[in-house]
PDB file of N, CA and C in Angstrom:
ATOM      1  N   MET A   1       0.817  -1.182   0.000  1.00  0.00           N
ATOM      2  CA  MET A   1       0.000   0.000   0.000  1.00  0.00           C
ATOM      3  C   MET A   1       0.868   1.257   0.000  1.00  0.00           C
ATOM      4  N   ASN A   2       2.042   1.174   0.650  1.00  0.00           N
ATOM      5  CA  ASN A   2       2.931   2.329   0.662  1.00  0.00           C
ATOM      6  C   ASN A   2       3.428   2.671  -0.729  1.00  0.00           C
ATOM      7  N   ALA A   3       3.613   1.678  -1.574  1.00  0.00           N
ATOM      8  CA  ALA A   3       4.063   1.936  -2.940  1.00  0.00           C
ATOM      9  C   ALA A   3       3.008   2.725  -3.704  1.00  0.00           C
ATOM     10  N   VAL A   4       1.741   2.398  -3.489  1.00  0.00           N
ATOM     11  CA  VAL A   4       0.658   3.133  -4.144  1.00  0.00           C
ATOM     12  C   VAL A   4       0.611   4.563  -3.628  1.00  0.00           C
ATOM     13  N   HIS A   5       0.715   4.731  -2.310  1.00  0.00           N
ATOM     14  CA  HIS A   5       0.704   6.069  -1.720  1.00  0.00           C
ATOM     15  C   HIS A   5       1.874   6.897  -2.241  1.00  0.00           C
ATOM     16  N   ASP A   6       3.059   6.310  -2.302  1.00  0.00           N
ATOM     17  CA  ASP A   6       4.239   7.034  -2.789  1.00  0.00           C
ATOM     18  C   ASP A   6       4.082   7.420  -4.254  1.00  0.00           C
ATOM     19  N   SER A   7       3.554   6.513  -5.050  1.00  0.00           N
ATOM     20  CA  SER A   7       3.356   6.789  -6.474  1.00  0.00           C
ATOM     21  C   SER A   7       2.369   7.934  -6.682  1.00  0.00           C
ATOM     22  N   LEU A   8       1.250   7.909  -5.975  1.00  0.00           N
ATOM     23  CA  LEU A   8       0.262   8.979  -6.104  1.00  0.00           C
ATOM     24  C   LEU A   8       0.813  10.306  -5.581  1.00  0.00           C
ATOM     25  N   ALA A   9       1.581  10.263  -4.500  1.00  0.00           N
ATOM     26  CA  ALA A   9       2.175  11.487  -3.953  1.00  0.00           C
ATOM     27  C   ALA A   9       3.158  12.102  -4.944  1.00  0.00           C
ATOM     28  N   ARG A  10       3.943  11.263  -5.636  1.00  0.00           N
ATOM     29  CA  ARG A  10       4.880  11.791  -6.640  1.00  0.00           C
ATOM     30  C   ARG A  10       4.136  12.454  -7.790  1.00  0.00           C
ATOM     31  N   GLN A  11       2.937  11.951  -8.103  1.00  0.00           N
ATOM     32  CA  GLN A  11       2.138  12.524  -9.182  1.00  0.00           C
ATOM     33  C   GLN A  11       1.334  13.730  -8.733  1.00  0.00           C
ATOM     34  N   GLY A  12       1.413  14.074  -7.454  1.00  0.00           N
ATOM     35  CA  GLY A  12       0.693  15.232  -6.943  1.00  0.00           C
ATOM     36  C   GLY A  12      -0.727  14.941  -6.505  1.00  0.00           C
ATOM     37  N   LEU A  13      -1.078  13.680  -6.415  1.00  0.00           N
ATOM     38  CA  LEU A  13      -2.418  13.304  -5.973  1.00  0.00           C
ATOM     39  C   LEU A  13      -2.408  13.015  -4.478  1.00  0.00           C
ATOM     40  N   VAL A  14      -2.607  14.059  -3.698  1.00  0.00           N
ATOM     41  CA  VAL A  14      -2.688  13.924  -2.245  1.00  0.00           C
ATOM     42  C   VAL A  14      -3.938  14.654  -1.767  1.00  0.00           C
ATOM     43  N   ARG A  15      -4.447  14.210  -0.634  1.00  0.00           N
ATOM     44  CA  ARG A  15      -5.593  14.873  -0.033  1.00  0.00           C
ATOM     45  C   ARG A  15      -5.081  16.006   0.847  1.00  0.00           C
ATOM     46  N   PRO A  16      -5.325  17.272   0.468  1.00  0.00           N
ATOM     47  CA  PRO A  16      -4.770  18.391   1.225  1.00  0.00           C
ATOM     48  C   PRO A  16      -5.384  18.504   2.616  1.00  0.00           C
ATOM     49  N   LEU A  17      -4.621  19.111   3.515  1.00  0.00           N
ATOM     50  CA  LEU A  17      -5.119  19.311   4.875  1.00  0.00           C
ATOM     51  C   LEU A  17      -6.152  20.428   4.928  1.00  0.00           C
ATOM     52  N   ASP A  18      -6.028  21.396   4.039  1.00  0.00           N
ATOM     53  CA  ASP A  18      -6.987  22.503   4.024  1.00  0.00           C
ATOM     54  C   ASP A  18      -7.925  22.359   2.822  1.00  0.00           C
ATOM     55  N   GLY A  19      -9.129  22.833   2.957  1.00  0.00           N
ATOM     56  CA  GLY A  19     -10.084  22.788   1.863  1.00  0.00           C
ATOM     57  C   GLY A  19     -10.879  21.500   1.778  1.00  0.00           C
ATOM     58  N   ARG A  20     -10.782  20.661   2.787  1.00  0.00           N
ATOM     59  CA  ARG A  20     -11.513  19.400   2.775  1.00  0.00           C
ATOM     60  C   ARG A  20     -12.978  19.635   3.108  1.00  0.00           C
ATOM     61  N   MET A  21     -13.834  18.851   2.477  1.00  0.00           N
ATOM     62  CA  MET A  21     -15.246  18.830   2.861  1.00  0.00           C
ATOM     63  C   MET A  21     -15.533  17.525   3.608  1.00  0.00           C
ATOM     64  N   ILE A  22     -15.187  16.417   3.011  1.00  0.00           N
ATOM     65  CA  ILE A  22     -15.379  15.114   3.661  1.00  0.00           C
ATOM     66  C   ILE A  22     -14.002  14.506   3.919  1.00  0.00           C
ATOM     67  N   ALA A  23     -13.333  14.089   2.872  1.00  0.00           N
ATOM     68  CA  ALA A  23     -12.021  13.467   3.041  1.00  0.00           C
ATOM     69  C   ALA A  23     -10.931  14.183   2.261  1.00  0.00           C
ATOM     70  N   GLY A  24     -11.298  15.116   1.400  1.00  0.00           N
ATOM     71  CA  GLY A  24     -10.314  15.856   0.636  1.00  0.00           C
ATOM     72  C   GLY A  24     -10.011  15.280  -0.728  1.00  0.00           C
ATOM     73  N   VAL A  25     -10.783  14.296  -1.165  1.00  0.00           N
ATOM     74  CA  VAL A  25     -10.517  13.673  -2.462  1.00  0.00           C
ATOM     75  C   VAL A  25     -10.728  14.686  -3.593  1.00  0.00           C
ATOM     76  N   CYS A  26     -11.861  15.364  -3.609  1.00  0.00           N
ATOM     77  CA  CYS A  26     -12.137  16.330  -4.677  1.00  0.00           C
ATOM     78  C   CYS A  26     -11.185  17.520  -4.604  1.00  0.00           C
ATOM     79  N   ALA A  27     -10.844  17.954  -3.395  1.00  0.00           N
ATOM     80  CA  ALA A  27      -9.887  19.052  -3.250  1.00  0.00           C
ATOM     81  C   ALA A  27      -8.521  18.642  -3.791  1.00  0.00           C
ATOM     82  N   GLY A  28      -8.118  17.400  -3.531  1.00  0.00           N
ATOM     83  CA  GLY A  28      -6.845  16.901  -4.049  1.00  0.00           C
ATOM     84  C   GLY A  28      -6.847  16.766  -5.559  1.00  0.00           C
ATOM     85  N   LEU A  29      -7.948  16.271  -6.114  1.00  0.00           N
ATOM     86  CA  LEU A  29      -8.047  16.173  -7.571  1.00  0.00           C
ATOM     87  C   LEU A  29      -8.054  17.565  -8.204  1.00  0.00           C
ATOM     88  N   GLY A  30      -8.771  18.485  -7.590  1.00  0.00           N
ATOM     89  CA  GLY A  30      -8.801  19.854  -8.099  1.00  0.00           C
ATOM     90  C   GLY A  30      -7.422  20.489  -8.086  1.00  0.00           C
ATOM     91  N   ARG A  31      -6.703  20.307  -6.990  1.00  0.00           N
ATOM     92  CA  ARG A  31      -5.348  20.876  -6.894  1.00  0.00           C
ATOM     93  C   ARG A  31      -4.433  20.260  -7.946  1.00  0.00           C
ATOM     94  N   ARG A  32      -4.532  18.946  -8.128  1.00  0.00           N
ATOM     95  CA  ARG A  32      -3.654  18.251  -9.084  1.00  0.00           C
ATOM     96  C   ARG A  32      -3.881  18.722 -10.511  1.00  0.00           C
ATOM     97  N   PHE A  33      -5.150  18.973 -10.872  1.00  0.00           N
ATOM     98  CA  PHE A  33      -5.460  19.369 -12.241  1.00  0.00           C
ATOM     99  C   PHE A  33      -5.665  20.871 -12.401  1.00  0.00           C
ATOM    100  N   GLY A  34      -5.304  21.647 -11.385  1.00  0.00           N
ATOM    101  CA  GLY A  34      -5.349  23.097 -11.480  1.00  0.00           C
ATOM    102  C   GLY A  34      -6.753  23.684 -11.444  1.00  0.00           C
ATOM    103  N   LEU A  35      -7.656  23.022 -10.750  1.00  0.00           N
ATOM    104  CA  LEU A  35      -9.030  23.478 -10.640  1.00  0.00           C
ATOM    105  C   LEU A  35      -9.323  23.923  -9.211  1.00  0.00           C
ATOM    106  N   ASP A  36     -10.279  24.836  -9.084  1.00  0.00           N
ATOM    107  CA  ASP A  36     -10.774  25.205  -7.772  1.00  0.00           C
ATOM    108  C   ASP A  36     -11.462  23.975  -7.177  1.00  0.00           C
ATOM    109  N   PRO A  37     -11.342  23.751  -5.872  1.00  0.00           N
ATOM    110  CA  PRO A  37     -11.985  22.573  -5.286  1.00  0.00           C
ATOM    111  C   PRO A  37     -13.492  22.511  -5.542  1.00  0.00           C
ATOM    112  N   TRP A  38     -14.153  23.654  -5.569  1.00  0.00           N
ATOM    113  CA  TRP A  38     -15.599  23.650  -5.821  1.00  0.00           C
ATOM    114  C   TRP A  38     -15.919  23.200  -7.242  1.00  0.00           C
ATOM    115  N   ILE A  39     -15.096  23.576  -8.190  1.00  0.00           N
ATOM    116  CA  ILE A  39     -15.305  23.129  -9.573  1.00  0.00           C
ATOM    117  C   ILE A  39     -15.104  21.617  -9.654  1.00  0.00           C
ATOM    118  N   ALA A  40     -14.086  21.107  -8.962  1.00  0.00           N
ATOM    119  CA  ALA A  40     -13.841  19.660  -8.946  1.00  0.00           C
ATOM    120  C   ALA A  40     -15.023  18.928  -8.322  1.00  0.00           C
ATOM    121  N   ARG A  41     -15.585  19.498  -7.266  1.00  0.00           N
ATOM    122  CA  ARG A  41     -16.754  18.873  -6.633  1.00  0.00           C
ATOM    123  C   ARG A  41     -17.951  18.873  -7.568  1.00  0.00           C
ATOM    124  N   MET A  42     -18.164  19.979  -8.259  1.00  0.00           N
ATOM    125  CA  MET A  42     -19.297  20.064  -9.185  1.00  0.00           C
ATOM    126  C   MET A  42     -19.135  19.065 -10.339  1.00  0.00           C
ATOM    127  N   LEU A  43     -17.922  18.937 -10.853  1.00  0.00           N
ATOM    128  CA  LEU A  43     -17.668  17.937 -11.901  1.00  0.00           C
ATOM    129  C   LEU A  43     -17.922  16.529 -11.384  1.00  0.00           C
ATOM    130  N   PHE A  44     -17.533  16.291 -10.152  1.00  0.00           N
ATOM    131  CA  PHE A  44     -17.756  14.984  -9.545  1.00  0.00           C
ATOM    132  C   PHE A  44     -19.252  14.684  -9.465  1.00  0.00           C
ATOM    133  N   VAL A  45     -20.049  15.684  -9.079  1.00  0.00           N
ATOM    134  CA  VAL A  45     -21.505  15.503  -8.997  1.00  0.00           C
ATOM    135  C   VAL A  45     -22.105  15.340 -10.394  1.00  0.00           C
ATOM    136  N   LEU A  46     -21.615  16.107 -11.365  1.00  0.00           N
ATOM    137  CA  LEU A  46     -22.122  15.971 -12.731  1.00  0.00           C
ATOM    138  C   LEU A  46     -21.858  14.581 -13.294  1.00  0.00           C
ATOM    139  N   ILE A  47     -20.704  14.023 -12.973  1.00  0.00           N
ATOM    140  CA  ILE A  47     -20.389  12.667 -13.418  1.00  0.00           C
ATOM    141  C   ILE A  47     -21.351  11.667 -12.783  1.00  0.00           C
ATOM    142  N   LEU A  48     -21.815  11.975 -11.570  1.00  0.00           N
ATOM    143  CA  LEU A  48     -22.797  11.115 -10.915  1.00  0.00           C
ATOM    144  C   LEU A  48     -24.062  10.991 -11.754  1.00  0.00           C
ATOM    145  N   PHE A  49     -24.474  12.101 -12.391  1.00  0.00           N
ATOM    146  CA  PHE A  49     -25.676  12.055 -13.218  1.00  0.00           C
ATOM    147  C   PHE A  49     -25.443  11.295 -14.525  1.00  0.00           C
ATOM    148  N   VAL A  50     -24.214  11.329 -15.021  1.00  0.00           N
ATOM    149  CA  VAL A  50     -23.902  10.631 -16.271  1.00  0.00           C
ATOM    150  C   VAL A  50     -23.758   9.128 -16.030  1.00  0.00           C
ATOM    151  N   ILE A  51     -23.038   8.784 -14.978  1.00  0.00           N
ATOM    152  CA  ILE A  51     -22.803   7.370 -14.646  1.00  0.00           C
ATOM    153  C   ILE A  51     -23.302   7.155 -13.214  1.00  0.00           C
ATOM    154  N   PRO A  52     -24.596   6.908 -13.034  1.00  0.00           N
ATOM    155  CA  PRO A  52     -25.156   6.779 -11.675  1.00  0.00           C
ATOM    156  C   PRO A  52     -24.480   5.686 -10.860  1.00  0.00           C
ATOM    157  N   GLY A  53     -24.190   5.998  -9.610  1.00  0.00           N
ATOM    158  CA  GLY A  53     -23.616   5.024  -8.699  1.00  0.00           C
ATOM    159  C   GLY A  53     -22.116   4.892  -8.742  1.00  0.00           C
ATOM    160  N   SER A  54     -21.473   5.508  -9.725  1.00  0.00           N
ATOM    161  CA  SER A  54     -20.023   5.342  -9.850  1.00  0.00           C
ATOM    162  C   SER A  54     -19.279   5.948  -8.658  1.00  0.00           C
ATOM    163  N   GLN A  55     -19.780   7.056  -8.117  1.00  0.00           N
ATOM    164  CA  GLN A  55     -19.089   7.703  -7.002  1.00  0.00           C
ATOM    165  C   GLN A  55     -19.145   6.875  -5.731  1.00  0.00           C
ATOM    166  N   ILE A  56     -20.153   6.023  -5.624  1.00  0.00           N
ATOM    167  CA  ILE A  56     -20.240   5.154  -4.454  1.00  0.00           C
ATOM    168  C   ILE A  56     -19.026   4.231  -4.399  1.00  0.00           C
ATOM    169  N   LEU A  57     -18.483   3.897  -5.547  1.00  0.00           N
ATOM    170  CA  LEU A  57     -17.282   3.067  -5.604  1.00  0.00           C
ATOM    171  C   LEU A  57     -16.012   3.899  -5.689  1.00  0.00           C
ATOM    172  N   VAL A  58     -16.031   4.943  -6.498  1.00  0.00           N
ATOM    173  CA  VAL A  58     -14.818   5.711  -6.786  1.00  0.00           C
ATOM    174  C   VAL A  58     -14.339   6.509  -5.578  1.00  0.00           C
ATOM    175  N   TYR A  59     -15.232   7.219  -4.901  1.00  0.00           N
ATOM    176  CA  TYR A  59     -14.811   8.094  -3.806  1.00  0.00           C
ATOM    177  C   TYR A  59     -14.140   7.326  -2.663  1.00  0.00           C
ATOM    178  N   PRO A  60     -14.746   6.248  -2.144  1.00  0.00           N
ATOM    179  CA  PRO A  60     -14.055   5.523  -1.062  1.00  0.00           C
ATOM    180  C   PRO A  60     -12.728   4.905  -1.492  1.00  0.00           C
ATOM    181  N   ILE A  61     -12.662   4.437  -2.730  1.00  0.00           N
ATOM    182  CA  ILE A  61     -11.394   3.864  -3.210  1.00  0.00           C
ATOM    183  C   ILE A  61     -10.328   4.949  -3.302  1.00  0.00           C
ATOM    184  N   ALA A  62     -10.699   6.117  -3.835  1.00  0.00           N
ATOM    185  CA  ALA A  62      -9.744   7.228  -3.909  1.00  0.00           C
ATOM    186  C   ALA A  62      -9.342   7.684  -2.513  1.00  0.00           C
ATOM    187  N   TRP A  63     -10.281   7.667  -1.577  1.00  0.00           N
ATOM    188  CA  TRP A  63     -10.002   8.056  -0.192  1.00  0.00           C
ATOM    189  C   TRP A  63      -8.935   7.140   0.400  1.00  0.00           C
ATOM    190  N   ILE A  64      -9.046   5.851   0.119  1.00  0.00           N
ATOM    191  CA  ILE A  64      -8.086   4.888   0.649  1.00  0.00           C
ATOM    192  C   ILE A  64      -6.736   5.006  -0.051  1.00  0.00           C
ATOM    193  N   LEU A  65      -6.748   5.176  -1.374  1.00  0.00           N
ATOM    194  CA  LEU A  65      -5.501   5.162  -2.135  1.00  0.00           C
ATOM    195  C   LEU A  65      -4.728   6.471  -2.084  1.00  0.00           C
ATOM    196  N   MET A  66      -5.432   7.609  -2.024  1.00  0.00           N
ATOM    197  CA  MET A  66      -4.742   8.902  -2.018  1.00  0.00           C
ATOM    198  C   MET A  66      -4.189   9.182  -0.626  1.00  0.00           C
ATOM    199  N   PRO A  67      -2.884   9.423  -0.517  1.00  0.00           N
ATOM    200  CA  PRO A  67      -2.321   9.708   0.805  1.00  0.00           C
ATOM    201  C   PRO A  67      -2.713  11.110   1.267  1.00  0.00           C
ATOM    202  N   SER A  68      -2.778  11.284   2.556  1.00  0.00           N
ATOM    203  CA  SER A  68      -3.049  12.602   3.124  1.00  0.00           C
ATOM    204  C   SER A  68      -1.773  13.435   3.044  1.00  0.00           C
ATOM    205  N   GLU A  69      -1.961  14.709   2.810  1.00  0.00           N
ATOM    206  CA  GLU A  69      -0.823  15.626   2.719  1.00  0.00           C
ATOM    207  C   GLU A  69      -0.141  15.717   4.076  1.00  0.00           C
ATOM    208  N   LYS A  70       1.166  15.750   4.049  1.00  0.00           N
ATOM    209  CA  LYS A  70       1.921  15.896   5.289  1.00  0.00           C
ATOM    210  C   LYS A  70       1.944  17.372   5.677  1.00  0.00           C
ATOM    211  N   PRO A  71       1.877  17.663   6.961  1.00  0.00           N
ATOM    212  CA  PRO A  71       1.949  19.068   7.380  1.00  0.00           C
ATOM    213  C   PRO A  71       3.270  19.687   6.948  1.00  0.00           C
ATOM    214  N   ALA A  72       3.240  20.973   6.612  1.00  0.00           N
ATOM    215  CA  ALA A  72       4.448  21.657   6.167  1.00  0.00           C
ATOM    216  C   ALA A  72       5.464  21.770   7.300  1.00  0.00           C
ATOM    217  N   TRP A  73       4.967  21.863   8.522  1.00  0.00           N
ATOM    218  CA  TRP A  73       5.868  22.011   9.658  1.00  0.00           C
ATOM    219  C   TRP A  73       5.335  21.208  10.816  1.00  0.00           C
ATOM    220  N   GLN A  74       6.209  20.493  11.450  1.00  0.00           N
ATOM    221  CA  GLN A  74       5.848  19.772  12.657  1.00  0.00           C
ATOM    222  C   GLN A  74       6.819  20.163  13.750  1.00  0.00           C
ATOM    223  N   ALA A  75       6.299  20.310  14.946  1.00  0.00           N
ATOM    224  CA  ALA A  75       7.155  20.639  16.070  1.00  0.00           C
ATOM    225  C   ALA A  75       8.107  19.478  16.317  1.00  0.00           C
ATOM    226  N   PRO A  76       9.374  19.783  16.558  1.00  0.00           N
ATOM    227  CA  PRO A  76      10.310  18.702  16.824  1.00  0.00           C
ATOM    228  C   PRO A  76       9.943  17.994  18.113  1.00  0.00           C
ATOM    229  N   THR A  77      10.104  16.712  18.097  1.00  0.00           N
ATOM    230  CA  THR A  77       9.812  15.937  19.305  1.00  0.00           C
ATOM    231  C   THR A  77      11.064  15.878  20.149  1.00  0.00           C
ATOM    232  N   THR A  78      10.890  16.181  21.402  1.00  0.00           N
ATOM    233  CA  THR A  78      12.029  16.139  22.314  1.00  0.00           C
ATOM    234  C   THR A  78      11.793  15.009  23.304  1.00  0.00           C
ATOM    235  N   PRO A  79      12.841  14.299  23.609  1.00  0.00           N
ATOM    236  CA  PRO A  79      12.670  13.227  24.583  1.00  0.00           C
ATOM    237  C   PRO A  79      12.334  13.810  25.950  1.00  0.00           C
ATOM    238  N   THR A  80      11.420  13.199  26.617  1.00  0.00           N
ATOM    239  CA  THR A  80      11.052  13.655  27.943  1.00  0.00           C
ATOM    240  C   THR A  80      11.845  12.897  28.985  1.00  0.00           C
ATOM    241  N   THR A  81      12.281  13.614  29.967  1.00  0.00           N
ATOM    242  CA  THR A  81      13.023  12.976  31.062  1.00  0.00           C
ATOM    243  C   THR A  81      12.213  13.145  32.336  1.00  0.00           C
ATOM    244  N   PHE A  82      12.199  12.138  33.122  1.00  0.00           N
ATOM    245  CA  PHE A  82      11.445  12.181  34.362  1.00  0.00           C
ATOM    246  C   PHE A  82      12.366  12.227  35.535  1.00  0.00           C
TER     247      PHE A  82
END
């Protein structure tokens, strides 16, 4: 599974931390293809009308396969001494 996550991350397909509505799949697709997240969501809904039921399969699979974006900055962890 890590190989799939790494491959998608190299291609720019990640679920961003900001702009998420549910899981960030549409926001990630929008960012990857240079679209506003709302436009990506609207296209996703329009595809639902063309191919009914496809999103029931596609969205959860994309949610699982697309890695979440790593935070730009994380506080360094310091060992605690007691």
